[in-house]
Protein backbone atom coordinates (compact mmCIF):
# COMPACT_ATOMS: atom_id res chain seq x y z
CA UNK A 1 0.00 0.00 0.00
CA UNK A 2 1.40 3.38 -1.03
CA UNK A 3 1.73 6.03 1.65
CA UNK A 4 0.93 9.59 0.68
CA UNK A 5 3.97 11.85 0.70
CA UNK A 6 3.50 15.21 2.46
CA UNK A 7 3.04 18.16 0.12
CA UNK A 8 5.66 20.89 -0.04
CA UNK A 9 3.25 23.17 1.83
CA UNK A 10 2.97 20.61 4.62
CA UNK A 11 6.74 20.08 4.72
CA UNK A 12 7.48 23.83 4.83
CA UNK A 13 4.80 24.45 7.46
CA UNK A 14 6.29 21.68 9.61
CA UNK A 15 9.78 23.18 9.25
CA UNK A 16 8.47 26.63 10.18
CA UNK A 17 6.73 25.21 13.26
CA UNK A 18 9.79 23.19 14.22
CA UNK A 19 12.19 26.14 13.90
CA UNK A 20 10.17 28.79 15.71
CA UNK A 21 11.83 32.21 15.66
CA UNK A 22 14.85 30.79 13.83
CA UNK A 23 12.75 30.69 10.68
CA UNK A 24 13.58 29.21 7.30
CA UNK A 25 15.62 30.44 4.32
CA UNK A 26 15.20 29.31 0.70
CA UNK A 27 18.45 27.30 0.83
CA UNK A 28 17.33 25.49 3.98
CA UNK A 29 13.96 24.74 2.38
CA UNK A 30 15.71 23.33 -0.68
CA UNK A 31 17.97 21.12 1.42
CA UNK A 32 15.34 19.88 3.84
CA UNK A 33 12.12 19.79 1.78
CA UNK A 34 13.29 19.87 -1.83
CA UNK A 35 11.46 23.17 -2.24
CA UNK A 36 12.83 25.31 -5.07
CA UNK A 37 10.20 28.05 -4.81
CA UNK A 38 9.86 28.83 -1.12
CA UNK A 39 8.34 32.27 -1.73
CA UNK A 40 5.48 30.67 -3.68
CA UNK A 41 4.83 28.16 -0.90
CA UNK A 42 4.89 30.97 1.69
CA UNK A 43 2.38 32.90 -0.46
CA UNK A 44 0.04 29.89 -0.42
CA UNK A 45 0.44 29.38 3.33
CA UNK A 46 -0.35 33.06 3.94
CA UNK A 47 -3.43 32.72 1.72
CA UNK A 48 -4.47 29.76 3.91
CA UNK A 49 -4.37 32.07 6.95
CA UNK A 50 -0.92 31.51 8.45
CA UNK A 51 0.83 34.62 9.78
CA UNK A 52 4.36 34.42 8.35
CA UNK A 53 6.76 37.35 8.52
CA UNK A 54 9.69 38.00 6.19
CA UNK A 55 13.02 39.14 7.60
CA UNK A 56 16.33 39.98 5.95
CA UNK A 57 19.02 37.45 6.77
CA UNK A 58 22.70 38.08 6.09
CA UNK A 59 24.52 34.98 4.87
CA UNK A 60 28.11 34.06 5.67
CA UNK A 61 29.13 35.48 2.28
CA UNK A 62 27.56 38.84 3.16
CA UNK A 63 24.54 38.53 0.88
CA UNK A 64 21.00 39.05 2.08
CA UNK A 65 18.21 36.52 1.62
CA UNK A 66 14.68 36.23 2.96
CA UNK A 67 14.10 34.38 6.20
CA UNK A 68 10.48 33.40 6.83
CA UNK A 69 9.17 33.08 10.39
CA UNK A 70 5.81 31.63 11.39
CA UNK A 71 4.33 33.87 14.04
CA UNK A 72 3.30 32.14 17.28
CA UNK A 73 -0.47 32.54 17.26
CA UNK A 74 -2.62 30.49 19.66
CA UNK A 75 -3.72 28.25 16.76
CA UNK A 76 -0.11 27.43 15.89
CA UNK A 77 0.92 26.93 19.50
CA UNK A 78 -1.49 24.01 19.85
CA UNK A 79 0.84 21.99 17.63
CA UNK A 80 4.34 23.04 18.69
CA UNK A 81 6.65 23.16 21.68
CA UNK A 82 6.19 26.61 23.30
CA UNK A 83 9.86 26.86 24.29
CA UNK A 84 10.94 27.50 20.68
CA UNK A 85 9.21 30.89 20.86
CA UNK A 86 9.08 31.55 24.58
CA UNK A 87 5.83 31.87 26.46
CA UNK A 88 5.79 35.69 26.24
CA UNK A 89 5.85 35.60 22.42
CA UNK A 90 2.36 34.14 21.97
CA UNK A 91 -0.07 36.77 20.68
C-alpha atoms as a PDB file:
ATOM      1  CA  UNK A   1       0.000   0.000   0.000  1.00  0.00           C
ATOM      2  CA  UNK A   2       1.400   3.384  -1.032  1.00  0.00           C
ATOM      3  CA  UNK A   3       1.731   6.028   1.653  1.00  0.00           C
ATOM      4  CA  UNK A   4       0.933   9.594   0.677  1.00  0.00           C
ATOM      5  CA  UNK A   5       3.967  11.851   0.702  1.00  0.00           C
ATOM      6  CA  UNK A   6       3.503  15.208   2.456  1.00  0.00           C
ATOM      7  CA  UNK A   7       3.036  18.157   0.120  1.00  0.00           C
ATOM      8  CA  UNK A   8       5.659  20.893  -0.040  1.00  0.00           C
ATOM      9  CA  UNK A   9       3.249  23.171   1.830  1.00  0.00           C
ATOM     10  CA  UNK A  10       2.972  20.610   4.621  1.00  0.00           C
ATOM     11  CA  UNK A  11       6.736  20.084   4.723  1.00  0.00           C
ATOM     12  CA  UNK A  12       7.476  23.832   4.826  1.00  0.00           C
ATOM     13  CA  UNK A  13       4.801  24.448   7.460  1.00  0.00           C
ATOM     14  CA  UNK A  14       6.286  21.679   9.613  1.00  0.00           C
ATOM     15  CA  UNK A  15       9.783  23.183   9.245  1.00  0.00           C
ATOM     16  CA  UNK A  16       8.474  26.634  10.180  1.00  0.00           C
ATOM     17  CA  UNK A  17       6.729  25.212  13.257  1.00  0.00           C
ATOM     18  CA  UNK A  18       9.785  23.195  14.216  1.00  0.00           C
ATOM     19  CA  UNK A  19      12.191  26.136  13.903  1.00  0.00           C
ATOM     20  CA  UNK A  20      10.165  28.790  15.715  1.00  0.00           C
ATOM     21  CA  UNK A  21      11.829  32.212  15.665  1.00  0.00           C
ATOM     22  CA  UNK A  22      14.850  30.790  13.833  1.00  0.00           C
ATOM     23  CA  UNK A  23      12.751  30.688  10.679  1.00  0.00           C
ATOM     24  CA  UNK A  24      13.575  29.213   7.298  1.00  0.00           C
ATOM     25  CA  UNK A  25      15.624  30.441   4.323  1.00  0.00           C
ATOM     26  CA  UNK A  26      15.201  29.313   0.702  1.00  0.00           C
ATOM     27  CA  UNK A  27      18.445  27.303   0.826  1.00  0.00           C
ATOM     28  CA  UNK A  28      17.334  25.494   3.981  1.00  0.00           C
ATOM     29  CA  UNK A  29      13.957  24.739   2.376  1.00  0.00           C
ATOM     30  CA  UNK A  30      15.706  23.332  -0.680  1.00  0.00           C
ATOM     31  CA  UNK A  31      17.968  21.116   1.417  1.00  0.00           C
ATOM     32  CA  UNK A  32      15.336  19.879   3.837  1.00  0.00           C
ATOM     33  CA  UNK A  33      12.125  19.789   1.785  1.00  0.00           C
ATOM     34  CA  UNK A  34      13.290  19.869  -1.827  1.00  0.00           C
ATOM     35  CA  UNK A  35      11.459  23.169  -2.238  1.00  0.00           C
ATOM     36  CA  UNK A  36      12.834  25.313  -5.072  1.00  0.00           C
ATOM     37  CA  UNK A  37      10.204  28.053  -4.810  1.00  0.00           C
ATOM     38  CA  UNK A  38       9.864  28.829  -1.117  1.00  0.00           C
ATOM     39  CA  UNK A  39       8.335  32.274  -1.733  1.00  0.00           C
ATOM     40  CA  UNK A  40       5.482  30.666  -3.682  1.00  0.00           C
ATOM     41  CA  UNK A  41       4.827  28.160  -0.903  1.00  0.00           C
ATOM     42  CA  UNK A  42       4.890  30.966   1.693  1.00  0.00           C
ATOM     43  CA  UNK A  43       2.382  32.895  -0.455  1.00  0.00           C
ATOM     44  CA  UNK A  44       0.045  29.887  -0.423  1.00  0.00           C
ATOM     45  CA  UNK A  45       0.442  29.384   3.330  1.00  0.00           C
ATOM     46  CA  UNK A  46      -0.355  33.061   3.944  1.00  0.00           C
ATOM     47  CA  UNK A  47      -3.431  32.715   1.722  1.00  0.00           C
ATOM     48  CA  UNK A  48      -4.469  29.763   3.909  1.00  0.00           C
ATOM     49  CA  UNK A  49      -4.369  32.072   6.951  1.00  0.00           C
ATOM     50  CA  UNK A  50      -0.918  31.513   8.450  1.00  0.00           C
ATOM     51  CA  UNK A  51       0.828  34.620   9.781  1.00  0.00           C
ATOM     52  CA  UNK A  52       4.356  34.421   8.355  1.00  0.00           C
ATOM     53  CA  UNK A  53       6.763  37.347   8.523  1.00  0.00           C
ATOM     54  CA  UNK A  54       9.687  38.005   6.194  1.00  0.00           C
ATOM     55  CA  UNK A  55      13.022  39.136   7.602  1.00  0.00           C
ATOM     56  CA  UNK A  56      16.328  39.983   5.947  1.00  0.00           C
ATOM     57  CA  UNK A  57      19.017  37.449   6.772  1.00  0.00           C
ATOM     58  CA  UNK A  58      22.696  38.082   6.088  1.00  0.00           C
ATOM     59  CA  UNK A  59      24.516  34.980   4.874  1.00  0.00           C
ATOM     60  CA  UNK A  60      28.111  34.063   5.672  1.00  0.00           C
ATOM     61  CA  UNK A  61      29.128  35.481   2.275  1.00  0.00           C
ATOM     62  CA  UNK A  62      27.564  38.841   3.157  1.00  0.00           C
ATOM     63  CA  UNK A  63      24.536  38.530   0.883  1.00  0.00           C
ATOM     64  CA  UNK A  64      20.995  39.053   2.078  1.00  0.00           C
ATOM     65  CA  UNK A  65      18.206  36.515   1.617  1.00  0.00           C
ATOM     66  CA  UNK A  66      14.684  36.231   2.961  1.00  0.00           C
ATOM     67  CA  UNK A  67      14.096  34.375   6.201  1.00  0.00           C
ATOM     68  CA  UNK A  68      10.479  33.396   6.827  1.00  0.00           C
ATOM     69  CA  UNK A  69       9.168  33.077  10.386  1.00  0.00           C
ATOM     70  CA  UNK A  70       5.814  31.628  11.385  1.00  0.00           C
ATOM     71  CA  UNK A  71       4.334  33.875  14.042  1.00  0.00           C
ATOM     72  CA  UNK A  72       3.299  32.142  17.281  1.00  0.00           C
ATOM     73  CA  UNK A  73      -0.474  32.538  17.262  1.00  0.00           C
ATOM     74  CA  UNK A  74      -2.619  30.489  19.663  1.00  0.00           C
ATOM     75  CA  UNK A  75      -3.720  28.250  16.764  1.00  0.00           C
ATOM     76  CA  UNK A  76      -0.108  27.429  15.887  1.00  0.00           C
ATOM     77  CA  UNK A  77       0.922  26.933  19.504  1.00  0.00           C
ATOM     78  CA  UNK A  78      -1.492  24.009  19.853  1.00  0.00           C
ATOM     79  CA  UNK A  79       0.839  21.992  17.632  1.00  0.00           C
ATOM     80  CA  UNK A  80       4.345  23.039  18.693  1.00  0.00           C
ATOM     81  CA  UNK A  81       6.651  23.156  21.676  1.00  0.00           C
ATOM     82  CA  UNK A  82       6.191  26.611  23.301  1.00  0.00           C
ATOM     83  CA  UNK A  83       9.860  26.865  24.287  1.00  0.00           C
ATOM     84  CA  UNK A  84      10.938  27.502  20.680  1.00  0.00           C
ATOM     85  CA  UNK A  85       9.206  30.886  20.857  1.00  0.00           C
ATOM     86  CA  UNK A  86       9.081  31.546  24.584  1.00  0.00           C
ATOM     87  CA  UNK A  87       5.828  31.868  26.460  1.00  0.00           C
ATOM     88  CA  UNK A  88       5.792  35.687  26.238  1.00  0.00           C
ATOM     89  CA  UNK A  89       5.846  35.604  22.418  1.00  0.00           C
ATOM     90  CA  UNK A  90       2.358  34.142  21.966  1.00  0.00           C
ATOM     91  CA  UNK A  91      -0.065  36.772  20.679  1.00  0.00           C
END
